[in-house]
Amino acid sequence: MNAVVDGKRVPNFLIRKLEKTKKNNIKDENLSDIIEKKGYLYLPNIIDTKKIETARNEVFKKLHEIKELNDPFHEGIFSGYSIRDHVYSDRGAFWKSISSSKSLREITNGAILENLMSKIFGKPAIGYDFIFLRAVAGGKFTHMHCDSGFFTRTTKQVLTCWIAFTEITIEKGPLFIVEGSHKFDDIKKEFLDFDVAIHKDKKATIDIHPVKFAEDRNTKLLTADFNPGDALIFGMHTIHGTFENHAKDKKIRLTCDIRFQPKSEPKDPRYFGLNPGGTTGAGYSELNSARPLNEDWHIR
């Protein structure tokens, strides 16, 4: 393996493979018990690859039109260049239009995931209207954090579903989960009732390098070589991040994460409706992916 975070190589002994949730478990077992025990569900090939390909190509075509991807666009090779801001005066509107495509929404807000989440919650579930589509070029990664500070303002019953739209080997910066982190009581206490949009004097990110964090806690970083259509589901206290995309082929990583909650729970208006404001109220312009692929990311 050749995992990197913030320019620092992650020793192989700290990396362990995610345990797959078998398809017969989806039918027969209490999935919420698995999440409670492990902190996650890893579901290879849960989404039809043809549907993934259709949605991916629509995104790639749009990025090719603004010169961020080379020909042929379906290979997703970063050009190192962008005319996004010359073509679109509103970054948020541009990224919202991409995130609203029918082919993408049939995956993120479609029956397969909705039914699965309903089974997990034990009651009808609904996916957020505001989704987090991420196109990740070389050198970029997501800092380690848990999701509670973003999505638990109106209900604690929220799950994240992360979906791979491209092949994501270790060099392309896959998502990782800190093993057992959903039971780290000190982290839960630290972020209890924390709201990143309200408590602006505190960061949502855990400002410790994942290597040191894992070593200090005698734990592992769980990941996989993801294929298009694979999904990973986890709760609000599971600590996660992504490795750095440092692939030599310059192919971008395309993923999307969406949150689900029971329909009966109060809905956070920031994430539901025709024009949701998102975490900060800035809409889709607040997302790193609204920035040109050759621009640095912000950190919250």
C-alpha atoms as a PDB file:
ATOM      1  CA  MET A   1       0.000   0.000   0.000  1.00  0.00           C
ATOM      2  CA  ASN A   2       1.058   3.577  -0.580  1.00  0.00           C
ATOM      3  CA  ALA A   3      -1.246   5.744   1.499  1.00  0.00           C
ATOM      4  CA  VAL A   4      -0.409   9.402   2.061  1.00  0.00           C
ATOM      5  CA  VAL A   5      -2.030  12.118   4.202  1.00  0.00           C
ATOM      6  CA  ASP A   6      -0.830  15.709   3.971  1.00  0.00           C
ATOM      7  CA  GLY A   7       2.388  14.621   2.286  1.00  0.00           C
ATOM      8  CA  LYS A   8       3.237  12.022   4.960  1.00  0.00           C
ATOM      9  CA  ARG A   9       3.244   8.322   4.148  1.00  0.00           C
ATOM     10  CA  VAL A  10       1.017   6.141   6.312  1.00  0.00           C
ATOM     11  CA  PRO A  11       2.804   2.963   7.494  1.00  0.00           C
ATOM     12  CA  ASN A  12       1.197  -0.205   6.183  1.00  0.00           C
ATOM     13  CA  PHE A  13       0.892  -1.683   9.664  1.00  0.00           C
ATOM     14  CA  LEU A  14      -1.598   1.052  10.553  1.00  0.00           C
ATOM     15  CA  ILE A  15      -3.906   0.188   7.638  1.00  0.00           C
ATOM     16  CA  ARG A  16      -6.455  -2.602   7.740  1.00  0.00           C
ATOM     17  CA  LYS A  17      -9.109  -3.617   5.222  1.00  0.00           C
ATOM     18  CA  LEU A  18     -12.735  -2.799   5.878  1.00  0.00           C
ATOM     19  CA  GLU A  19     -14.847  -5.854   6.576  1.00  0.00           C
ATOM     20  CA  LYS A  20     -17.462  -6.395   3.877  1.00  0.00           C
ATOM     21  CA  THR A  21     -21.107  -6.647   4.819  1.00  0.00           C
ATOM     22  CA  LYS A  22     -22.297  -9.750   3.009  1.00  0.00           C
ATOM     23  CA  LYS A  23     -25.447  -9.569   0.934  1.00  0.00           C
ATOM     24  CA  ASN A  24     -27.163 -12.259   2.973  1.00  0.00           C
ATOM     25  CA  ASN A  25     -26.510 -10.116   6.067  1.00  0.00           C
ATOM     26  CA  ILE A  26     -28.399  -7.264   4.438  1.00  0.00           C
ATOM     27  CA  LYS A  27     -31.431  -9.525   4.178  1.00  0.00           C
ATOM     28  CA  ASP A  28     -31.187 -11.430   7.423  1.00  0.00           C
ATOM     29  CA  GLU A  29     -29.339  -9.484  10.102  1.00  0.00           C
ATOM     30  CA  ASN A  30     -30.126  -6.385  12.107  1.00  0.00           C
ATOM     31  CA  LEU A  31     -27.967  -3.866  10.297  1.00  0.00           C
ATOM     32  CA  SER A  32     -28.190  -1.330  13.106  1.00  0.00           C
ATOM     33  CA  ASP A  33     -26.524  -3.883  15.386  1.00  0.00           C
ATOM     34  CA  ILE A  34     -23.616  -4.190  12.949  1.00  0.00           C
ATOM     35  CA  ILE A  35     -23.196  -0.404  12.898  1.00  0.00           C
ATOM     36  CA  GLU A  36     -23.346  -0.303  16.682  1.00  0.00           C
ATOM     37  CA  LYS A  37     -20.683  -3.006  16.927  1.00  0.00           C
ATOM     38  CA  LYS A  38     -18.301  -1.986  14.118  1.00  0.00           C
ATOM     39  CA  GLY A  39     -19.206   1.622  13.444  1.00  0.00           C
ATOM     40  CA  TYR A  40     -19.903   1.048   9.759  1.00  0.00           C
ATOM     41  CA  LEU A  41     -21.385  -1.049   6.952  1.00  0.00           C
ATOM     42  CA  TYR A  42     -19.204  -1.683   3.896  1.00  0.00           C
ATOM     43  CA  LEU A  43     -21.406  -2.627   0.945  1.00  0.00           C
ATOM     44  CA  PRO A  44     -19.528  -3.502  -2.275  1.00  0.00           C
ATOM     45  CA  ASN A  45     -21.470  -3.192  -5.524  1.00  0.00           C
ATOM     46  CA  ILE A  46     -24.674  -2.039  -3.843  1.00  0.00           C
ATOM     47  CA  ILE A  47     -25.435   0.362  -6.711  1.00  0.00           C
ATOM     48  CA  ASP A  48     -25.721  -0.803 -10.334  1.00  0.00           C
ATOM     49  CA  THR A  49     -22.502   0.058 -12.181  1.00  0.00           C
ATOM     50  CA  LYS A  50     -24.364   1.192 -15.313  1.00  0.00           C
ATOM     51  CA  LYS A  51     -26.247   3.785 -13.285  1.00  0.00           C
ATOM     52  CA  ILE A  52     -22.977   4.867 -11.691  1.00  0.00           C
ATOM     53  CA  GLU A  53     -21.329   5.189 -15.105  1.00  0.00           C
ATOM     54  CA  THR A  54     -24.169   7.303 -16.500  1.00  0.00           C
ATOM     55  CA  ALA A  55     -24.093   9.720 -13.573  1.00  0.00           C
ATOM     56  CA  ARG A  56     -20.297   9.871 -13.554  1.00  0.00           C
ATOM     57  CA  ASN A  57     -20.092  10.675 -17.257  1.00  0.00           C
ATOM     58  CA  GLU A  58     -22.578  13.522 -16.867  1.00  0.00           C
ATOM     59  CA  VAL A  59     -20.357  15.058 -14.185  1.00  0.00           C
ATOM     60  CA  PHE A  60     -17.175  14.453 -16.166  1.00  0.00           C
ATOM     61  CA  LYS A  61     -18.693  15.993 -19.293  1.00  0.00           C
ATOM     62  CA  LYS A  62     -19.461  19.191 -17.381  1.00  0.00           C
ATOM     63  CA  LEU A  63     -15.924  19.325 -15.992  1.00  0.00           C
ATOM     64  CA  HIS A  64     -14.532  18.734 -19.479  1.00  0.00           C
ATOM     65  CA  GLU A  65     -16.557  21.662 -20.827  1.00  0.00           C
ATOM     66  CA  ILE A  66     -14.730  23.985 -18.422  1.00  0.00           C
ATOM     67  CA  LYS A  67     -11.366  22.508 -19.421  1.00  0.00           C
ATOM     68  CA  GLU A  68     -10.723  20.750 -16.100  1.00  0.00           C
ATOM     69  CA  LEU A  69     -10.620  17.276 -17.665  1.00  0.00           C
ATOM     70  CA  ASN A  70      -8.652  16.157 -20.711  1.00  0.00           C
ATOM     71  CA  ASP A  71      -9.984  14.192 -23.681  1.00  0.00           C
ATOM     72  CA  PRO A  72     -11.512  11.664 -23.533  1.00  0.00           C
ATOM     73  CA  PHE A  73     -13.511  13.106 -20.659  1.00  0.00           C
ATOM     74  CA  HIS A  74     -14.877   9.773 -19.448  1.00  0.00           C
ATOM     75  CA  GLU A  75     -11.399   8.797 -18.222  1.00  0.00           C
ATOM     76  CA  GLY A  76     -11.482  11.641 -15.710  1.00  0.00           C
ATOM     77  CA  ILE A  77      -7.904  12.871 -16.215  1.00  0.00           C
ATOM     78  CA  PHE A  78      -7.227  16.233 -14.584  1.00  0.00           C
ATOM     79  CA  SER A  79      -5.895  18.866 -16.966  1.00  0.00           C
ATOM     80  CA  GLY A  80      -4.383  21.119 -14.315  1.00  0.00           C
ATOM     81  CA  TYR A  81      -6.352  23.994 -15.826  1.00  0.00           C
ATOM     82  CA  SER A  82      -9.807  25.544 -15.440  1.00  0.00           C
ATOM     83  CA  ILE A  83     -12.043  28.169 -17.017  1.00  0.00           C
ATOM     84  CA  ARG A  84     -14.868  27.543 -14.527  1.00  0.00           C
ATOM     85  CA  ASP A  85     -14.980  31.107 -13.245  1.00  0.00           C
ATOM     86  CA  HIS A  86     -14.872  32.517 -16.775  1.00  0.00           C
ATOM     87  CA  VAL A  87     -17.892  30.491 -17.845  1.00  0.00           C
ATOM     88  CA  TYR A  88     -19.952  30.565 -14.637  1.00  0.00           C
ATOM     89  CA  SER A  89     -20.369  33.674 -12.510  1.00  0.00           C
ATOM     90  CA  ASP A  90     -21.889  31.670  -9.629  1.00  0.00           C
ATOM     91  CA  ARG A  91     -19.884  28.671  -8.425  1.00  0.00           C
ATOM     92  CA  GLY A  92     -22.678  27.467  -6.185  1.00  0.00           C
ATOM     93  CA  ALA A  93     -25.274  27.506  -8.955  1.00  0.00           C
ATOM     94  CA  PHE A  94     -22.909  25.565 -11.203  1.00  0.00           C
ATOM     95  CA  TRP A  95     -22.272  22.858  -8.615  1.00  0.00           C
ATOM     96  CA  LYS A  96     -25.925  22.679  -7.639  1.00  0.00           C
ATOM     97  CA  SER A  97     -26.851  22.045 -11.297  1.00  0.00           C
ATOM     98  CA  ILE A  98     -24.380  19.167 -11.461  1.00  0.00           C
ATOM     99  CA  SER A  99     -25.579  17.800  -8.119  1.00  0.00           C
ATOM    100  CA  SER A 100     -29.213  17.921  -9.261  1.00  0.00           C
ATOM    101  CA  SER A 101     -28.962  15.689 -12.312  1.00  0.00           C
ATOM    102  CA  LYS A 102     -31.631  13.008 -12.575  1.00  0.00           C
ATOM    103  CA  SER A 103     -29.077  10.218 -13.031  1.00  0.00           C
ATOM    104  CA  LEU A 104     -27.225  11.204  -9.845  1.00  0.00           C
ATOM    105  CA  ARG A 105     -30.381  11.667  -7.784  1.00  0.00           C
ATOM    106  CA  GLU A 106     -31.707   8.256  -8.822  1.00  0.00           C
ATOM    107  CA  ILE A 107     -28.689   6.900  -6.960  1.00  0.00           C
ATOM    108  CA  THR A 108     -28.384   9.189  -3.956  1.00  0.00           C
ATOM    109  CA  ASN A 109     -32.092   9.634  -3.272  1.00  0.00           C
ATOM    110  CA  GLY A 110     -33.369   6.515  -5.015  1.00  0.00           C
ATOM    111  CA  ALA A 111     -35.187   3.441  -3.797  1.00  0.00           C
ATOM    112  CA  ILE A 112     -32.140   1.227  -3.166  1.00  0.00           C
ATOM    113  CA  LEU A 113     -30.551   3.438  -0.533  1.00  0.00           C
ATOM    114  CA  GLU A 114     -33.854   4.657   0.877  1.00  0.00           C
ATOM    115  CA  ASN A 115     -35.056   1.091   1.434  1.00  0.00           C
ATOM    116  CA  LEU A 116     -31.712   0.088   2.929  1.00  0.00           C
ATOM    117  CA  MET A 117     -31.708   3.030   5.313  1.00  0.00           C
ATOM    118  CA  SER A 118     -35.300   2.321   6.294  1.00  0.00           C
ATOM    119  CA  LYS A 119     -34.233  -1.188   7.226  1.00  0.00           C
ATOM    120  CA  ILE A 120     -31.369   0.150   9.323  1.00  0.00           C
ATOM    121  CA  PHE A 121     -33.521   2.697  11.172  1.00  0.00           C
ATOM    122  CA  GLY A 122     -36.424   0.271  11.492  1.00  0.00           C
ATOM    123  CA  LYS A 123     -38.762   2.943  10.139  1.00  0.00           C
ATOM    124  CA  PRO A 124     -39.204   4.882   6.847  1.00  0.00           C
ATOM    125  CA  ALA A 125     -36.102   6.935   6.033  1.00  0.00           C
ATOM    126  CA  ILE A 126     -35.462   9.972   3.862  1.00  0.00           C
ATOM    127  CA  GLY A 127     -32.275  11.262   2.243  1.00  0.00           C
ATOM    128  CA  TYR A 128     -31.196  14.871   2.515  1.00  0.00           C
ATOM    129  CA  ASP A 129     -31.857  17.045  -0.530  1.00  0.00           C
ATOM    130  CA  PHE A 130     -28.459  18.699  -0.054  1.00  0.00           C
ATOM    131  CA  ILE A 131     -25.755  16.238  -1.114  1.00  0.00           C
ATOM    132  CA  PHE A 132     -21.973  16.381  -1.092  1.00  0.00           C
ATOM    133  CA  LEU A 133     -20.625  15.461  -4.513  1.00  0.00           C
ATOM    134  CA  ARG A 134     -16.810  15.567  -4.505  1.00  0.00           C
ATOM    135  CA  ALA A 135     -14.438  15.662  -7.453  1.00  0.00           C
ATOM    136  CA  VAL A 136     -10.930  15.335  -6.039  1.00  0.00           C
ATOM    137  CA  ALA A 137      -7.772  16.136  -7.975  1.00  0.00           C
ATOM    138  CA  GLY A 138      -4.189  15.365  -7.039  1.00  0.00           C
ATOM    139  CA  GLY A 139      -2.787  16.550  -3.724  1.00  0.00           C
ATOM    140  CA  LYS A 140      -6.169  16.926  -2.014  1.00  0.00           C
ATOM    141  CA  PHE A 141      -7.597  15.024   0.947  1.00  0.00           C
ATOM    142  CA  THR A 142     -10.300  15.419   3.594  1.00  0.00           C
ATOM    143  CA  HIS A 143      -9.102  16.076   7.130  1.00  0.00           C
ATOM    144  CA  MET A 144     -10.104  13.689   9.894  1.00  0.00           C
ATOM    145  CA  HIS A 145     -13.403  14.499  11.608  1.00  0.00           C
ATOM    146  CA  CYS A 146     -16.774  13.113  12.682  1.00  0.00           C
ATOM    147  CA  ASP A 147     -20.081  14.297  11.235  1.00  0.00           C
ATOM    148  CA  SER A 148     -22.016  15.117  14.389  1.00  0.00           C
ATOM    149  CA  GLY A 149     -21.131  18.806  14.325  1.00  0.00           C
ATOM    150  CA  PHE A 150     -22.642  19.220  10.876  1.00  0.00           C
ATOM    151  CA  PHE A 151     -25.840  17.194  10.789  1.00  0.00           C
ATOM    152  CA  THR A 152     -27.349  16.632  14.256  1.00  0.00           C
ATOM    153  CA  ARG A 153     -28.963  20.013  14.950  1.00  0.00           C
ATOM    154  CA  THR A 154     -32.563  18.725  14.790  1.00  0.00           C
ATOM    155  CA  THR A 155     -32.111  14.974  15.334  1.00  0.00           C
ATOM    156  CA  LYS A 156     -29.364  12.618  16.473  1.00  0.00           C
ATOM    157  CA  GLN A 157     -30.718   9.859  14.243  1.00  0.00           C
ATOM    158  CA  VAL A 158     -28.590  10.518  11.167  1.00  0.00           C
ATOM    159  CA  LEU A 159     -26.368   8.255   9.071  1.00  0.00           C
ATOM    160  CA  THR A 160     -23.856   9.088   6.358  1.00  0.00           C
ATOM    161  CA  CYS A 161     -23.720   7.099   3.127  1.00  0.00           C
ATOM    162  CA  TRP A 162     -20.515   7.541   1.079  1.00  0.00           C
ATOM    163  CA  ILE A 163     -20.637   6.262  -2.524  1.00  0.00           C
ATOM    164  CA  ALA A 164     -17.740   5.607  -4.908  1.00  0.00           C
ATOM    165  CA  PHE A 165     -18.270   6.671  -8.531  1.00  0.00           C
ATOM    166  CA  THR A 166     -14.749   5.866  -9.751  1.00  0.00           C
ATOM    167  CA  GLU A 167     -12.183   3.199  -8.992  1.00  0.00           C
ATOM    168  CA  ILE A 168     -10.434   4.408  -5.862  1.00  0.00           C
ATOM    169  CA  THR A 169      -7.210   2.591  -5.122  1.00  0.00           C
ATOM    170  CA  ILE A 170      -5.078   3.640  -2.176  1.00  0.00           C
ATOM    171  CA  GLU A 171      -3.144   6.096  -4.353  1.00  0.00           C
ATOM    172  CA  LYS A 172      -6.350   7.906  -5.331  1.00  0.00           C
ATOM    173  CA  GLY A 173      -7.223   8.806  -1.768  1.00  0.00           C
ATOM    174  CA  PRO A 174     -10.036   6.548  -0.537  1.00  0.00           C
ATOM    175  CA  LEU A 175     -12.035   7.250   2.571  1.00  0.00           C
ATOM    176  CA  PHE A 176     -10.750   5.707   5.788  1.00  0.00           C
ATOM    177  CA  ILE A 177     -12.442   5.058   9.117  1.00  0.00           C
ATOM    178  CA  VAL A 178     -10.630   5.015  12.446  1.00  0.00           C
ATOM    179  CA  GLU A 179     -11.370   1.553  13.810  1.00  0.00           C
ATOM    180  CA  GLY A 180     -13.554   1.623  16.921  1.00  0.00           C
ATOM    181  CA  SER A 181     -13.739   5.425  16.935  1.00  0.00           C
ATOM    182  CA  HIS A 182     -17.525   5.458  17.298  1.00  0.00           C
ATOM    183  CA  LYS A 183     -16.894   4.321  20.891  1.00  0.00           C
ATOM    184  CA  PHE A 184     -14.230   6.893  21.786  1.00  0.00           C
ATOM    185  CA  ASP A 185     -16.013   8.539  24.706  1.00  0.00           C
ATOM    186  CA  ASP A 186     -13.611  11.468  24.919  1.00  0.00           C
ATOM    187  CA  ILE A 187     -14.268  12.405  21.283  1.00  0.00           C
ATOM    188  CA  LYS A 188     -18.018  12.076  21.775  1.00  0.00           C
ATOM    189  CA  LYS A 189     -17.790  14.351  24.803  1.00  0.00           C
ATOM    190  CA  GLU A 190     -15.591  16.874  22.985  1.00  0.00           C
ATOM    191  CA  PHE A 191     -18.080  17.267  20.141  1.00  0.00           C
ATOM    192  CA  LEU A 192     -21.260  16.835  22.180  1.00  0.00           C
ATOM    193  CA  ASP A 193     -23.751  19.501  21.068  1.00  0.00           C
ATOM    194  CA  PHE A 194     -21.050  21.090  18.889  1.00  0.00           C
ATOM    195  CA  ASP A 195     -22.442  22.861  15.820  1.00  0.00           C
ATOM    196  CA  VAL A 196     -19.838  23.980  13.298  1.00  0.00           C
ATOM    197  CA  ALA A 197     -22.070  26.768  11.962  1.00  0.00           C
ATOM    198  CA  ILE A 198     -22.719  28.201  15.443  1.00  0.00           C
ATOM    199  CA  HIS A 199     -19.563  27.523  17.454  1.00  0.00           C
ATOM    200  CA  LYS A 200     -17.191  29.223  15.051  1.00  0.00           C
ATOM    201  CA  ASP A 201     -14.360  29.435  17.562  1.00  0.00           C
ATOM    202  CA  LYS A 202     -13.849  25.674  17.258  1.00  0.00           C
ATOM    203  CA  LYS A 203     -12.930  23.529  14.265  1.00  0.00           C
ATOM    204  CA  ALA A 204     -14.775  20.379  13.286  1.00  0.00           C
ATOM    205  CA  THR A 205     -11.560  18.730  12.157  1.00  0.00           C
ATOM    206  CA  ILE A 206      -9.437  16.724  14.569  1.00  0.00           C
ATOM    207  CA  ASP A 207      -6.149  18.539  14.351  1.00  0.00           C
ATOM    208  CA  ILE A 208      -3.910  15.499  14.800  1.00  0.00           C
ATOM    209  CA  HIS A 209      -2.297  13.617  11.936  1.00  0.00           C
ATOM    210  CA  PRO A 210      -4.078  10.266  11.417  1.00  0.00           C
ATOM    211  CA  VAL A 211      -0.785   8.375  11.853  1.00  0.00           C
ATOM    212  CA  LYS A 212      -0.196   9.807  15.324  1.00  0.00           C
ATOM    213  CA  PHE A 213      -3.885   9.534  16.208  1.00  0.00           C
ATOM    214  CA  ALA A 214      -3.955   5.818  15.324  1.00  0.00           C
ATOM    215  CA  GLU A 215      -0.643   5.110  17.045  1.00  0.00           C
ATOM    216  CA  ASP A 216      -1.634   6.926  20.238  1.00  0.00           C
ATOM    217  CA  ARG A 217      -4.902   4.999  20.423  1.00  0.00           C
ATOM    218  CA  ASN A 218      -3.465   1.660  19.354  1.00  0.00           C
ATOM    219  CA  THR A 219      -5.942   1.352  16.524  1.00  0.00           C
ATOM    220  CA  LYS A 220      -6.028   1.054  12.730  1.00  0.00           C
ATOM    221  CA  LEU A 221      -7.200   3.047   9.737  1.00  0.00           C
ATOM    222  CA  LEU A 222      -9.793   0.993   7.871  1.00  0.00           C
ATOM    223  CA  THR A 223     -10.112   1.375   4.108  1.00  0.00           C
ATOM    224  CA  ALA A 224     -10.433  -0.537   0.831  1.00  0.00           C
ATOM    225  CA  ASP A 225      -9.777  -0.379  -2.886  1.00  0.00           C
ATOM    226  CA  PHE A 226     -13.246   0.845  -3.786  1.00  0.00           C
ATOM    227  CA  ASN A 227     -15.018   0.134  -7.056  1.00  0.00           C
ATOM    228  CA  PRO A 228     -17.795   2.187  -8.664  1.00  0.00           C
ATOM    229  CA  GLY A 229     -21.056   1.350  -6.925  1.00  0.00           C
ATOM    230  CA  ASP A 230     -19.515   0.532  -3.539  1.00  0.00           C
ATOM    231  CA  ALA A 231     -20.968   2.291  -0.502  1.00  0.00           C
ATOM    232  CA  LEU A 232     -19.913   2.876   3.088  1.00  0.00           C
ATOM    233  CA  ILE A 233     -22.429   3.756   5.789  1.00  0.00           C
ATOM    234  CA  PHE A 234     -21.509   5.073   9.234  1.00  0.00           C
ATOM    235  CA  GLY A 235     -22.811   7.104  12.127  1.00  0.00           C
ATOM    236  CA  MET A 236     -22.243  10.619  13.360  1.00  0.00           C
ATOM    237  CA  HIS A 237     -19.469   9.724  15.836  1.00  0.00           C
ATOM    238  CA  THR A 238     -17.366   7.544  13.530  1.00  0.00           C
ATOM    239  CA  ILE A 239     -14.087   9.376  12.877  1.00  0.00           C
ATOM    240  CA  HIS A 240     -13.091   9.382   9.236  1.00  0.00           C
ATOM    241  CA  GLY A 241     -11.157  11.231   6.554  1.00  0.00           C
ATOM    242  CA  THR A 242      -9.584  10.475   3.213  1.00  0.00           C
ATOM    243  CA  PHE A 243      -6.090   9.676   2.114  1.00  0.00           C
ATOM    244  CA  GLU A 244      -4.437  11.994  -0.376  1.00  0.00           C
ATOM    245  CA  ASN A 245      -4.995  11.536  -4.100  1.00  0.00           C
ATOM    246  CA  HIS A 246      -1.446  11.218  -5.394  1.00  0.00           C
ATOM    247  CA  ALA A 247      -2.054   8.887  -8.346  1.00  0.00           C
ATOM    248  CA  LYS A 248       0.427   9.346 -11.166  1.00  0.00           C
ATOM    249  CA  ASP A 249      -2.250   8.883 -13.838  1.00  0.00           C
ATOM    250  CA  LYS A 250      -3.837  12.210 -12.722  1.00  0.00           C
ATOM    251  CA  LYS A 251      -7.316  10.685 -12.660  1.00  0.00           C
ATOM    252  CA  ILE A 252      -9.665  12.456 -10.297  1.00  0.00           C
ATOM    253  CA  ARG A 253     -11.617  10.686  -7.588  1.00  0.00           C
ATOM    254  CA  LEU A 254     -15.391  11.140  -7.754  1.00  0.00           C
ATOM    255  CA  THR A 255     -17.518  10.332  -4.712  1.00  0.00           C
ATOM    256  CA  CYS A 256     -20.754  11.503  -3.184  1.00  0.00           C
ATOM    257  CA  ASP A 257     -22.002  11.415   0.369  1.00  0.00           C
ATOM    258  CA  ILE A 258     -25.562  11.871   1.489  1.00  0.00           C
ATOM    259  CA  ARG A 259     -27.196  11.814   4.892  1.00  0.00           C
ATOM    260  CA  PHE A 260     -30.321   9.899   5.850  1.00  0.00           C
ATOM    261  CA  GLN A 261     -32.668  10.158   8.808  1.00  0.00           C
ATOM    262  CA  PRO A 262     -36.075   8.760   9.761  1.00  0.00           C
ATOM    263  CA  LYS A 263     -38.882  10.639   8.018  1.00  0.00           C
ATOM    264  CA  SER A 264     -40.612  11.082  11.369  1.00  0.00           C
ATOM    265  CA  GLU A 265     -37.722  13.069  12.878  1.00  0.00           C
ATOM    266  CA  PRO A 266     -37.569  16.885  12.610  1.00  0.00           C
ATOM    267  CA  LYS A 267     -35.865  17.978   9.393  1.00  0.00           C
ATOM    268  CA  ASP A 268     -33.050  20.493   9.391  1.00  0.00           C
ATOM    269  CA  PRO A 269     -34.164  23.165   6.871  1.00  0.00           C
ATOM    270  CA  ARG A 270     -30.531  23.736   5.906  1.00  0.00           C
ATOM    271  CA  TYR A 271     -30.507  20.393   4.100  1.00  0.00           C
ATOM    272  CA  PHE A 272     -34.073  19.966   2.834  1.00  0.00           C
ATOM    273  CA  GLY A 273     -36.101  21.752   0.171  1.00  0.00           C
ATOM    274  CA  LEU A 274     -35.612  23.115  -3.334  1.00  0.00           C
ATOM    275  CA  ASN A 275     -32.873  25.571  -2.345  1.00  0.00           C
ATOM    276  CA  PRO A 276     -31.256  24.296   0.846  1.00  0.00           C
ATOM    277  CA  GLY A 277     -28.680  26.606   2.357  1.00  0.00           C
ATOM    278  CA  GLY A 278     -26.323  23.851   3.473  1.00  0.00           C
ATOM    279  CA  THR A 279     -24.242  23.924   6.634  1.00  0.00           C
ATOM    280  CA  THR A 280     -23.373  27.622   6.557  1.00  0.00           C
ATOM    281  CA  GLY A 281     -26.305  29.003   4.565  1.00  0.00           C
ATOM    282  CA  ALA A 282     -24.166  29.653   1.493  1.00  0.00           C
ATOM    283  CA  GLY A 283     -25.698  26.768  -0.449  1.00  0.00           C
ATOM    284  CA  TYR A 284     -23.569  24.711  -2.793  1.00  0.00           C
ATOM    285  CA  SER A 285     -20.969  27.471  -3.009  1.00  0.00           C
ATOM    286  CA  GLU A 286     -19.777  26.431   0.463  1.00  0.00           C
ATOM    287  CA  LEU A 287     -18.507  23.088  -0.855  1.00  0.00           C
ATOM    288  CA  ASN A 288     -14.882  22.550  -1.795  1.00  0.00           C
ATOM    289  CA  SER A 289     -16.023  20.941  -5.044  1.00  0.00           C
ATOM    290  CA  ALA A 290     -17.643  24.220  -6.098  1.00  0.00           C
ATOM    291  CA  ARG A 291     -14.089  25.493  -6.426  1.00  0.00           C
ATOM    292  CA  PRO A 292     -12.135  24.846  -9.623  1.00  0.00           C
ATOM    293  CA  LEU A 293     -10.190  21.594  -9.490  1.00  0.00           C
ATOM    294  CA  ASN A 294      -6.911  23.521  -9.515  1.00  0.00           C
ATOM    295  CA  GLU A 295      -7.806  25.594  -6.445  1.00  0.00           C
ATOM    296  CA  ASP A 296      -6.906  24.721  -2.844  1.00  0.00           C
ATOM    297  CA  TRP A 297      -9.589  23.550  -0.403  1.00  0.00           C
ATOM    298  CA  HIS A 298     -10.771  25.226   2.773  1.00  0.00           C
ATOM    299  CA  ILE A 299     -10.727  23.447   6.148  1.00  0.00           C
ATOM    300  CA  ARG A 300     -13.515  23.626   8.723  1.00  0.00           C
END
